[in-house]
Amino acid sequence: MRQSTRRLISQTGVSLCFLILMACVGPAPLEDYSLAKTAVDSARNAQAGRFAPGFLGQAEERYRQGLADYEERRYKEARENFLRARLLAEKAENFTALKKAETG
């Protein structure tokens, strides 16, 4: 009986540690990933590489960093990089639209 009690306590402790670690990681930022990818692709399709290469380059770099963070399960950092990538890509696309309108 004493042996089974120790085993139960040990298994409970391991399970508890696992749950705590999983809670710290948090859910994978799949929506942030999708939104960032869509925004970067949209900026590319709008020719932001020609009209707003700085913003597009920054967006692509943040997106790549977000992917690396995601693969390493650093979900908080990945979420932040995906958000920044999306904002920069949207800025690149908006700047591109403005420049296209100015040049006719």
PDB file of N, CA and C in Angstrom:
ATOM      1  N   MET A   1       0.827  -1.189   0.000  1.00  0.00           N
ATOM      2  CA  MET A   1       0.000   0.000   0.000  1.00  0.00           C
ATOM      3  C   MET A   1       0.870   1.250   0.000  1.00  0.00           C
ATOM      4  N   ARG A   2       1.916   1.208   0.725  1.00  0.00           N
ATOM      5  CA  ARG A   2       2.810   2.346   0.795  1.00  0.00           C
ATOM      6  C   ARG A   2       3.463   2.620  -0.557  1.00  0.00           C
ATOM      7  N   GLN A   3       3.802   1.568  -1.280  1.00  0.00           N
ATOM      8  CA  GLN A   3       4.417   1.688  -2.600  1.00  0.00           C
ATOM      9  C   GLN A   3       3.452   2.344  -3.587  1.00  0.00           C
ATOM     10  N   SER A   4       2.205   1.932  -3.569  1.00  0.00           N
ATOM     11  CA  SER A   4       1.218   2.492  -4.494  1.00  0.00           C
ATOM     12  C   SER A   4       0.910   3.950  -4.165  1.00  0.00           C
ATOM     13  N   THR A   5       0.957   4.319  -2.901  1.00  0.00           N
ATOM     14  CA  THR A   5       0.735   5.711  -2.511  1.00  0.00           C
ATOM     15  C   THR A   5       1.855   6.588  -3.047  1.00  0.00           C
ATOM     16  N   ARG A   6       3.085   6.122  -2.931  1.00  0.00           N
ATOM     17  CA  ARG A   6       4.231   6.888  -3.455  1.00  0.00           C
ATOM     18  C   ARG A   6       4.129   7.045  -4.967  1.00  0.00           C
ATOM     19  N   ARG A   7       3.752   5.965  -5.629  1.00  0.00           N
ATOM     20  CA  ARG A   7       3.625   6.007  -7.085  1.00  0.00           C
ATOM     21  C   ARG A   7       2.537   6.994  -7.491  1.00  0.00           C
ATOM     22  N   LEU A   8       1.424   6.995  -6.786  1.00  0.00           N
ATOM     23  CA  LEU A   8       0.326   7.910  -7.074  1.00  0.00           C
ATOM     24  C   LEU A   8       0.759   9.361  -6.877  1.00  0.00           C
ATOM     25  N   ILE A   9       1.465   9.618  -5.793  1.00  0.00           N
ATOM     26  CA  ILE A   9       1.950  10.975  -5.526  1.00  0.00           C
ATOM     27  C   ILE A   9       2.943  11.396  -6.603  1.00  0.00           C
ATOM     28  N   SER A  10       3.813  10.494  -6.983  1.00  0.00           N
ATOM     29  CA  SER A  10       4.803  10.789  -8.017  1.00  0.00           C
ATOM     30  C   SER A  10       4.116  11.098  -9.349  1.00  0.00           C
ATOM     31  N   GLN A  11       3.156  10.266  -9.743  1.00  0.00           N
ATOM     32  CA  GLN A  11       2.448  10.484 -11.000  1.00  0.00           C
ATOM     33  C   GLN A  11       1.646  11.775 -10.973  1.00  0.00           C
ATOM     34  N   THR A  12       1.052  12.077  -9.855  1.00  0.00           N
ATOM     35  CA  THR A  12       0.290  13.317  -9.714  1.00  0.00           C
ATOM     36  C   THR A  12       1.208  14.522  -9.840  1.00  0.00           C
ATOM     37  N   GLY A  13       2.387  14.424  -9.224  1.00  0.00           N
ATOM     38  CA  GLY A  13       3.356  15.527  -9.303  1.00  0.00           C
ATOM     39  C   GLY A  13       3.827  15.763 -10.721  1.00  0.00           C
ATOM     40  N   VAL A  14       4.116  14.696 -11.440  1.00  0.00           N
ATOM     41  CA  VAL A  14       4.550  14.823 -12.839  1.00  0.00           C
ATOM     42  C   VAL A  14       3.430  15.422 -13.679  1.00  0.00           C
ATOM     43  N   SER A  15       2.217  14.960 -13.490  1.00  0.00           N
ATOM     44  CA  SER A  15       1.077  15.493 -14.244  1.00  0.00           C
ATOM     45  C   SER A  15       0.860  16.970 -13.946  1.00  0.00           C
ATOM     46  N   LEU A  16       0.996  17.341 -12.701  1.00  0.00           N
ATOM     47  CA  LEU A  16       0.820  18.734 -12.307  1.00  0.00           C
ATOM     48  C   LEU A  16       1.891  19.618 -12.938  1.00  0.00           C
ATOM     49  N   CYS A  17       3.134  19.165 -12.931  1.00  0.00           N
ATOM     50  CA  CYS A  17       4.220  19.929 -13.570  1.00  0.00           C
ATOM     51  C   CYS A  17       3.961  20.103 -15.061  1.00  0.00           C
ATOM     52  N   PHE A  18       3.496  19.048 -15.708  1.00  0.00           N
ATOM     53  CA  PHE A  18       3.197  19.108 -17.131  1.00  0.00           C
ATOM     54  C   PHE A  18       2.095  20.134 -17.409  1.00  0.00           C
ATOM     55  N   LEU A  19       1.053  20.115 -16.622  1.00  0.00           N
ATOM     56  CA  LEU A  19      -0.043  21.065 -16.808  1.00  0.00           C
ATOM     57  C   LEU A  19       0.405  22.502 -16.595  1.00  0.00           C
ATOM     58  N   ILE A  20       1.253  22.726 -15.615  1.00  0.00           N
ATOM     59  CA  ILE A  20       1.765  24.069 -15.356  1.00  0.00           C
ATOM     60  C   ILE A  20       2.593  24.555 -16.539  1.00  0.00           C
ATOM     61  N   LEU A  21       3.453  23.689 -17.064  1.00  0.00           N
ATOM     62  CA  LEU A  21       4.262  24.071 -18.218  1.00  0.00           C
ATOM     63  C   LEU A  21       3.405  24.363 -19.436  1.00  0.00           C
ATOM     64  N   MET A  22       2.384  23.571 -19.672  1.00  0.00           N
ATOM     65  CA  MET A  22       1.507  23.800 -20.818  1.00  0.00           C
ATOM     66  C   MET A  22       0.718  25.099 -20.659  1.00  0.00           C
ATOM     67  N   ALA A  23       0.365  25.436 -19.442  1.00  0.00           N
ATOM     68  CA  ALA A  23      -0.373  26.675 -19.202  1.00  0.00           C
ATOM     69  C   ALA A  23       0.506  27.885 -19.492  1.00  0.00           C
ATOM     70  N   CYS A  24       1.792  27.766 -19.229  1.00  0.00           N
ATOM     71  CA  CYS A  24       2.715  28.875 -19.486  1.00  0.00           C
ATOM     72  C   CYS A  24       2.919  29.096 -20.981  1.00  0.00           C
ATOM     73  N   VAL A  25       2.895  28.030 -21.751  1.00  0.00           N
ATOM     74  CA  VAL A  25       3.112  28.139 -23.186  1.00  0.00           C
ATOM     75  C   VAL A  25       1.929  28.832 -23.846  1.00  0.00           C
ATOM     76  N   GLY A  26       0.744  28.498 -23.461  1.00  0.00           N
ATOM     77  CA  GLY A  26      -0.446  29.104 -24.036  1.00  0.00           C
ATOM     78  C   GLY A  26      -0.784  28.484 -25.370  1.00  0.00           C
ATOM     79  N   PRO A  27      -1.912  28.885 -25.926  1.00  0.00           N
ATOM     80  CA  PRO A  27      -2.339  28.321 -27.201  1.00  0.00           C
ATOM     81  C   PRO A  27      -1.506  28.866 -28.359  1.00  0.00           C
ATOM     82  N   ALA A  28      -1.379  28.055 -29.372  1.00  0.00           N
ATOM     83  CA  ALA A  28      -0.640  28.470 -30.562  1.00  0.00           C
ATOM     84  C   ALA A  28      -1.388  29.613 -31.260  1.00  0.00           C
ATOM     85  N   PRO A  29      -0.668  30.621 -31.727  1.00  0.00           N
ATOM     86  CA  PRO A  29      -1.315  31.789 -32.351  1.00  0.00           C
ATOM     87  C   PRO A  29      -1.667  31.554 -33.821  1.00  0.00           C
ATOM     88  N   LEU A  30      -2.553  30.611 -34.078  1.00  0.00           N
ATOM     89  CA  LEU A  30      -2.899  30.265 -35.457  1.00  0.00           C
ATOM     90  C   LEU A  30      -3.601  31.399 -36.196  1.00  0.00           C
ATOM     91  N   GLU A  31      -4.482  32.094 -35.503  1.00  0.00           N
ATOM     92  CA  GLU A  31      -5.188  33.203 -36.154  1.00  0.00           C
ATOM     93  C   GLU A  31      -4.213  34.331 -36.500  1.00  0.00           C
ATOM     94  N   ASP A  32      -3.312  34.638 -35.585  1.00  0.00           N
ATOM     95  CA  ASP A  32      -2.314  35.684 -35.844  1.00  0.00           C
ATOM     96  C   ASP A  32      -1.420  35.300 -37.021  1.00  0.00           C
ATOM     97  N   TYR A  33      -1.052  34.025 -37.078  1.00  0.00           N
ATOM     98  CA  TYR A  33      -0.250  33.513 -38.192  1.00  0.00           C
ATOM     99  C   TYR A  33      -0.983  33.716 -39.515  1.00  0.00           C
ATOM    100  N   SER A  34      -2.242  33.314 -39.565  1.00  0.00           N
ATOM    101  CA  SER A  34      -3.025  33.424 -40.796  1.00  0.00           C
ATOM    102  C   SER A  34      -3.213  34.872 -41.234  1.00  0.00           C
ATOM    103  N   LEU A  35      -3.525  35.727 -40.282  1.00  0.00           N
ATOM    104  CA  LEU A  35      -3.720  37.141 -40.618  1.00  0.00           C
ATOM    105  C   LEU A  35      -2.431  37.781 -41.121  1.00  0.00           C
ATOM    106  N   ALA A  36      -1.314  37.455 -40.500  1.00  0.00           N
ATOM    107  CA  ALA A  36      -0.031  38.015 -40.931  1.00  0.00           C
ATOM    108  C   ALA A  36       0.321  37.531 -42.331  1.00  0.00           C
ATOM    109  N   LYS A  37       0.144  36.243 -42.581  1.00  0.00           N
ATOM    110  CA  LYS A  37       0.457  35.685 -43.905  1.00  0.00           C
ATOM    111  C   LYS A  37      -0.401  36.335 -44.975  1.00  0.00           C
ATOM    112  N   THR A  38      -1.687  36.468 -44.704  1.00  0.00           N
ATOM    113  CA  THR A  38      -2.598  37.091 -45.666  1.00  0.00           C
ATOM    114  C   THR A  38      -2.210  38.540 -45.935  1.00  0.00           C
ATOM    115  N   ALA A  39      -1.852  39.270 -44.886  1.00  0.00           N
ATOM    116  CA  ALA A  39      -1.478  40.678 -45.053  1.00  0.00           C
ATOM    117  C   ALA A  39      -0.193  40.824 -45.852  1.00  0.00           C
ATOM    118  N   VAL A  40       0.804  39.990 -45.577  1.00  0.00           N
ATOM    119  CA  VAL A  40       2.071  40.058 -46.310  1.00  0.00           C
ATOM    120  C   VAL A  40       1.843  39.680 -47.770  1.00  0.00           C
ATOM    121  N   ASP A  41       1.085  38.622 -48.019  1.00  0.00           N
ATOM    122  CA  ASP A  41       0.785  38.220 -49.396  1.00  0.00           C
ATOM    123  C   ASP A  41       0.030  39.313 -50.139  1.00  0.00           C
ATOM    124  N   SER A  42      -0.909  39.949 -49.473  1.00  0.00           N
ATOM    125  CA  SER A  42      -1.695  41.019 -50.088  1.00  0.00           C
ATOM    126  C   SER A  42      -0.814  42.220 -50.433  1.00  0.00           C
ATOM    127  N   ALA A  43       0.100  42.551 -49.539  1.00  0.00           N
ATOM    128  CA  ALA A  43       1.016  43.664 -49.807  1.00  0.00           C
ATOM    129  C   ALA A  43       1.918  43.342 -51.004  1.00  0.00           C
ATOM    130  N   ARG A  44       2.386  42.113 -51.076  1.00  0.00           N
ATOM    131  CA  ARG A  44       3.205  41.704 -52.232  1.00  0.00           C
ATOM    132  C   ARG A  44       2.411  41.833 -53.521  1.00  0.00           C
ATOM    133  N   ASN A  45       1.171  41.346 -53.504  1.00  0.00           N
ATOM    134  CA  ASN A  45       0.320  41.394 -54.694  1.00  0.00           C
ATOM    135  C   ASN A  45      -0.014  42.819 -55.111  1.00  0.00           C
ATOM    136  N   ALA A  46       0.001  43.738 -54.162  1.00  0.00           N
ATOM    137  CA  ALA A  46      -0.284  45.147 -54.458  1.00  0.00           C
ATOM    138  C   ALA A  46       0.955  45.879 -54.969  1.00  0.00           C
ATOM    139  N   GLN A  47       2.057  45.179 -55.135  1.00  0.00           N
ATOM    140  CA  GLN A  47       3.337  45.729 -55.597  1.00  0.00           C
ATOM    141  C   GLN A  47       4.008  46.616 -54.553  1.00  0.00           C
ATOM    142  N   ALA A  48       3.857  46.262 -53.292  1.00  0.00           N
ATOM    143  CA  ALA A  48       4.513  47.025 -52.229  1.00  0.00           C
ATOM    144  C   ALA A  48       6.026  46.925 -52.327  1.00  0.00           C
ATOM    145  N   GLY A  49       6.534  45.877 -52.930  1.00  0.00           N
ATOM    146  CA  GLY A  49       7.973  45.756 -53.128  1.00  0.00           C
ATOM    147  C   GLY A  49       8.526  46.875 -53.992  1.00  0.00           C
ATOM    148  N   ARG A  50       7.694  47.420 -54.858  1.00  0.00           N
ATOM    149  CA  ARG A  50       8.098  48.529 -55.737  1.00  0.00           C
ATOM    150  C   ARG A  50       7.860  49.891 -55.090  1.00  0.00           C
ATOM    151  N   PHE A  51       6.705  50.045 -54.423  1.00  0.00           N
ATOM    152  CA  PHE A  51       6.321  51.344 -53.889  1.00  0.00           C
ATOM    153  C   PHE A  51       6.640  51.546 -52.408  1.00  0.00           C
ATOM    154  N   ALA A  52       6.744  50.478 -51.660  1.00  0.00           N
ATOM    155  CA  ALA A  52       7.017  50.576 -50.210  1.00  0.00           C
ATOM    156  C   ALA A  52       7.936  49.439 -49.769  1.00  0.00           C
ATOM    157  N   PRO A  53       9.136  49.366 -50.377  1.00  0.00           N
ATOM    158  CA  PRO A  53      10.022  48.240 -50.076  1.00  0.00           C
ATOM    159  C   PRO A  53      10.477  48.185 -48.621  1.00  0.00           C
ATOM    160  N   GLY A  54      10.608  49.334 -47.994  1.00  0.00           N
ATOM    161  CA  GLY A  54      11.032  49.356 -46.591  1.00  0.00           C
ATOM    162  C   GLY A  54      10.008  48.720 -45.670  1.00  0.00           C
ATOM    163  N   PHE A  55       8.757  49.137 -45.811  1.00  0.00           N
ATOM    164  CA  PHE A  55       7.690  48.584 -44.982  1.00  0.00           C
ATOM    165  C   PHE A  55       7.498  47.086 -45.266  1.00  0.00           C
ATOM    166  N   LEU A  56       7.519  46.729 -46.552  1.00  0.00           N
ATOM    167  CA  LEU A  56       7.329  45.323 -46.909  1.00  0.00           C
ATOM    168  C   LEU A  56       8.476  44.476 -46.372  1.00  0.00           C
ATOM    169  N   GLY A  57       9.700  44.964 -46.495  1.00  0.00           N
ATOM    170  CA  GLY A  57      10.856  44.222 -45.983  1.00  0.00           C
ATOM    171  C   GLY A  57      10.771  43.999 -44.485  1.00  0.00           C
ATOM    172  N   GLN A  58      10.357  45.027 -43.768  1.00  0.00           N
ATOM    173  CA  GLN A  58      10.193  44.896 -42.316  1.00  0.00           C
ATOM    174  C   GLN A  58       9.085  43.895 -41.986  1.00  0.00           C
ATOM    175  N   ALA A  59       8.002  43.943 -42.747  1.00  0.00           N
ATOM    176  CA  ALA A  59       6.886  43.016 -42.514  1.00  0.00           C
ATOM    177  C   ALA A  59       7.328  41.575 -42.755  1.00  0.00           C
ATOM    178  N   GLU A  60       8.059  41.367 -43.834  1.00  0.00           N
ATOM    179  CA  GLU A  60       8.534  40.015 -44.142  1.00  0.00           C
ATOM    180  C   GLU A  60       9.503  39.510 -43.084  1.00  0.00           C
ATOM    181  N   GLU A  61      10.362  40.388 -42.599  1.00  0.00           N
ATOM    182  CA  GLU A  61      11.310  39.988 -41.558  1.00  0.00           C
ATOM    183  C   GLU A  61      10.583  39.617 -40.270  1.00  0.00           C
ATOM    184  N   ARG A  62       9.606  40.403 -39.874  1.00  0.00           N
ATOM    185  CA  ARG A  62       8.815  40.082 -38.671  1.00  0.00           C
ATOM    186  C   ARG A  62       8.043  38.785 -38.857  1.00  0.00           C
ATOM    187  N   TYR A  63       7.538  38.566 -40.056  1.00  0.00           N
ATOM    188  CA  TYR A  63       6.811  37.331 -40.340  1.00  0.00           C
ATOM    189  C   TYR A  63       7.745  36.125 -40.227  1.00  0.00           C
ATOM    190  N   ARG A  64       8.935  36.233 -40.807  1.00  0.00           N
ATOM    191  CA  ARG A  64       9.912  35.141 -40.702  1.00  0.00           C
ATOM    192  C   ARG A  64      10.294  34.878 -39.254  1.00  0.00           C
ATOM    193  N   GLN A  65      10.482  35.948 -38.477  1.00  0.00           N
ATOM    194  CA  GLN A  65      10.813  35.778 -37.067  1.00  0.00           C
ATOM    195  C   GLN A  65       9.653  35.129 -36.313  1.00  0.00           C
ATOM    196  N   GLY A  66       8.429  35.514 -36.665  1.00  0.00           N
ATOM    197  CA  GLY A  66       7.256  34.891 -36.060  1.00  0.00           C
ATOM    198  C   GLY A  66       7.189  33.401 -36.351  1.00  0.00           C
ATOM    199  N   LEU A  67       7.529  33.017 -37.584  1.00  0.00           N
ATOM    200  CA  LEU A  67       7.558  31.597 -37.930  1.00  0.00           C
ATOM    201  C   LEU A  67       8.601  30.848 -37.114  1.00  0.00           C
ATOM    202  N   ALA A  68       9.783  31.457 -36.966  1.00  0.00           N
ATOM    203  CA  ALA A  68      10.840  30.816 -36.175  1.00  0.00           C
ATOM    204  C   ALA A  68      10.399  30.663 -34.718  1.00  0.00           C
ATOM    205  N   ASP A  69       9.792  31.709 -34.177  1.00  0.00           N
ATOM    206  CA  ASP A  69       9.291  31.637 -32.801  1.00  0.00           C
ATOM    207  C   ASP A  69       8.213  30.567 -32.673  1.00  0.00           C
ATOM    208  N   TYR A  70       7.342  30.503 -33.656  1.00  0.00           N
ATOM    209  CA  TYR A  70       6.258  29.517 -33.647  1.00  0.00           C
ATOM    210  C   TYR A  70       6.818  28.093 -33.634  1.00  0.00           C
ATOM    211  N   GLU A  71       7.800  27.846 -34.489  1.00  0.00           N
ATOM    212  CA  GLU A  71       8.404  26.513 -34.560  1.00  0.00           C
ATOM    213  C   GLU A  71       9.112  26.137 -33.259  1.00  0.00           C
ATOM    214  N   GLU A  72       9.626  27.134 -32.551  1.00  0.00           N
ATOM    215  CA  GLU A  72      10.297  26.897 -31.269  1.00  0.00           C
ATOM    216  C   GLU A  72       9.317  26.918 -30.096  1.00  0.00           C
ATOM    217  N   ARG A  73       8.031  27.054 -30.412  1.00  0.00           N
ATOM    218  CA  ARG A  73       6.956  27.078 -29.408  1.00  0.00           C
ATOM    219  C   ARG A  73       7.060  28.278 -28.457  1.00  0.00           C
ATOM    220  N   ARG A  74       7.629  29.358 -28.950  1.00  0.00           N
ATOM    221  CA  ARG A  74       7.640  30.617 -28.202  1.00  0.00           C
ATOM    222  C   ARG A  74       6.433  31.414 -28.701  1.00  0.00           C
ATOM    223  N   TYR A  75       5.269  31.002 -28.240  1.00  0.00           N
ATOM    224  CA  TYR A  75       4.025  31.513 -28.793  1.00  0.00           C
ATOM    225  C   TYR A  75       3.779  32.987 -28.485  1.00  0.00           C
ATOM    226  N   LYS A  76       4.197  33.459 -27.342  1.00  0.00           N
ATOM    227  CA  LYS A  76       4.004  34.878 -27.026  1.00  0.00           C
ATOM    228  C   LYS A  76       4.802  35.744 -27.994  1.00  0.00           C
ATOM    229  N   GLU A  77       6.061  35.387 -28.212  1.00  0.00           N
ATOM    230  CA  GLU A  77       6.902  36.132 -29.143  1.00  0.00           C
ATOM    231  C   GLU A  77       6.390  36.002 -30.577  1.00  0.00           C
ATOM    232  N   ALA A  78       5.934  34.800 -30.921  1.00  0.00           N
ATOM    233  CA  ALA A  78       5.386  34.582 -32.265  1.00  0.00           C
ATOM    234  C   ALA A  78       4.172  35.466 -32.490  1.00  0.00           C
ATOM    235  N   ARG A  79       3.291  35.516 -31.519  1.00  0.00           N
ATOM    236  CA  ARG A  79       2.082  36.348 -31.627  1.00  0.00           C
ATOM    237  C   ARG A  79       2.464  37.819 -31.833  1.00  0.00           C
ATOM    238  N   GLU A  80       3.424  38.302 -31.065  1.00  0.00           N
ATOM    239  CA  GLU A  80       3.861  39.695 -31.192  1.00  0.00           C
ATOM    240  C   GLU A  80       4.462  39.966 -32.566  1.00  0.00           C
ATOM    241  N   ASN A  81       5.288  39.047 -33.061  1.00  0.00           N
ATOM    242  CA  ASN A  81       5.897  39.235 -34.376  1.00  0.00           C
ATOM    243  C   ASN A  81       4.876  39.140 -35.494  1.00  0.00           C
ATOM    244  N   PHE A  82       3.920  38.229 -35.381  1.00  0.00           N
ATOM    245  CA  PHE A  82       2.873  38.143 -36.393  1.00  0.00           C
ATOM    246  C   PHE A  82       2.022  39.411 -36.401  1.00  0.00           C
ATOM    247  N   LEU A  83       1.715  39.942 -35.241  1.00  0.00           N
ATOM    248  CA  LEU A  83       0.932  41.177 -35.172  1.00  0.00           C
ATOM    249  C   LEU A  83       1.701  42.324 -35.817  1.00  0.00           C
ATOM    250  N   ARG A  84       2.975  42.453 -35.481  1.00  0.00           N
ATOM    251  CA  ARG A  84       3.796  43.527 -36.056  1.00  0.00           C
ATOM    252  C   ARG A  84       3.930  43.354 -37.573  1.00  0.00           C
ATOM    253  N   ALA A  85       4.085  42.107 -38.027  1.00  0.00           N
ATOM    254  CA  ALA A  85       4.174  41.835 -39.465  1.00  0.00           C
ATOM    255  C   ALA A  85       2.895  42.272 -40.167  1.00  0.00           C
ATOM    256  N   ARG A  86       1.756  41.952 -39.573  1.00  0.00           N
ATOM    257  CA  ARG A  86       0.478  42.332 -40.172  1.00  0.00           C
ATOM    258  C   ARG A  86       0.338  43.844 -40.271  1.00  0.00           C
ATOM    259  N   LEU A  87       0.686  44.540 -39.199  1.00  0.00           N
ATOM    260  CA  LEU A  87       0.570  46.000 -39.208  1.00  0.00           C
ATOM    261  C   LEU A  87       1.506  46.627 -40.241  1.00  0.00           C
ATOM    262  N   LEU A  88       2.726  46.135 -40.325  1.00  0.00           N
ATOM    263  CA  LEU A  88       3.678  46.662 -41.306  1.00  0.00           C
ATOM    264  C   LEU A  88       3.239  46.346 -42.734  1.00  0.00           C
ATOM    265  N   ALA A  89       2.698  45.154 -42.948  1.00  0.00           N
ATOM    266  CA  ALA A  89       2.220  44.788 -44.283  1.00  0.00           C
ATOM    267  C   ALA A  89       1.027  45.660 -44.691  1.00  0.00           C
ATOM    268  N   GLU A  90       0.136  45.925 -43.756  1.00  0.00           N
ATOM    269  CA  GLU A  90      -1.001  46.805 -44.048  1.00  0.00           C
ATOM    270  C   GLU A  90      -0.525  48.218 -44.351  1.00  0.00           C
ATOM    271  N   LYS A  91       0.489  48.671 -43.606  1.00  0.00           N
ATOM    272  CA  LYS A  91       1.050  49.993 -43.871  1.00  0.00           C
ATOM    273  C   LYS A  91       1.681  50.026 -45.262  1.00  0.00           C
ATOM    274  N   ALA A  92       2.391  48.962 -45.630  1.00  0.00           N
ATOM    275  CA  ALA A  92       3.014  48.877 -46.954  1.00  0.00           C
ATOM    276  C   ALA A  92       1.951  48.906 -48.049  1.00  0.00           C
ATOM    277  N   GLU A  93       0.877  48.156 -47.850  1.00  0.00           N
ATOM    278  CA  GLU A  93      -0.182  48.129 -48.857  1.00  0.00           C
ATOM    279  C   GLU A  93      -0.881  49.484 -48.971  1.00  0.00           C
ATOM    280  N   ASN A  94      -1.154  50.129 -47.854  1.00  0.00           N
ATOM    281  CA  ASN A  94      -1.793  51.451 -47.873  1.00  0.00           C
ATOM    282  C   ASN A  94      -0.885  52.497 -48.524  1.00  0.00           C
ATOM    283  N   PHE A  95       0.395  52.456 -48.201  1.00  0.00           N
ATOM    284  CA  PHE A  95       1.353  53.391 -48.793  1.00  0.00           C
ATOM    285  C   PHE A  95       1.427  53.165 -50.306  1.00  0.00           C
ATOM    286  N   THR A  96       1.395  51.908 -50.704  1.00  0.00           N
ATOM    287  CA  THR A  96       1.422  51.567 -52.126  1.00  0.00           C
ATOM    288  C   THR A  96       0.192  52.128 -52.841  1.00  0.00           C
ATOM    289  N   ALA A  97      -0.965  51.959 -52.250  1.00  0.00           N
ATOM    290  CA  ALA A  97      -2.194  52.484 -52.857  1.00  0.00           C
ATOM    291  C   ALA A  97      -2.116  54.003 -52.987  1.00  0.00           C
ATOM    292  N   LEU A  98      -1.587  54.656 -51.966  1.00  0.00           N
ATOM    293  CA  LEU A  98      -1.446  56.111 -52.008  1.00  0.00           C
ATOM    294  C   LEU A  98      -0.499  56.537 -53.128  1.00  0.00           C
ATOM    295  N   LYS A  99       0.637  55.871 -53.236  1.00  0.00           N
ATOM    296  CA  LYS A  99       1.615  56.214 -54.281  1.00  0.00           C
ATOM    297  C   LYS A  99       1.060  55.949 -55.673  1.00  0.00           C
ATOM    298  N   LYS A 100       0.328  54.864 -55.827  1.00  0.00           N
ATOM    299  CA  LYS A 100      -0.291  54.565 -57.128  1.00  0.00           C
ATOM    300  C   LYS A 100      -1.312  55.637 -57.497  1.00  0.00           C
ATOM    301  N   ALA A 101      -2.083  56.112 -56.518  1.00  0.00           N
ATOM    302  CA  ALA A 101      -3.086  57.144 -56.772  1.00  0.00           C
ATOM    303  C   ALA A 101      -2.422  58.472 -57.139  1.00  0.00           C
ATOM    304  N   GLU A 102      -1.295  58.762 -56.498  1.00  0.00           N
ATOM    305  CA  GLU A 102      -0.581  60.015 -56.799  1.00  0.00           C
ATOM    306  C   GLU A 102       0.026  60.019 -58.181  1.00  0.00           C
ATOM    307  N   THR A 103       0.490  58.854 -58.638  1.00  0.00           N
ATOM    308  CA  THR A 103       1.141  58.787 -59.942  1.00  0.00           C
ATOM    309  C   THR A 103       0.173  58.504 -61.079  1.00  0.00           C
ATOM    310  N   GLY A 104      -1.046  58.243 -60.720  1.00  0.00           N
ATOM    311  CA  GLY A 104      -2.086  58.055 -61.744  1.00  0.00           C
ATOM    312  C   GLY A 104      -2.160  56.691 -62.203  1.00  0.00           C
TER     313      GLY A 104
END
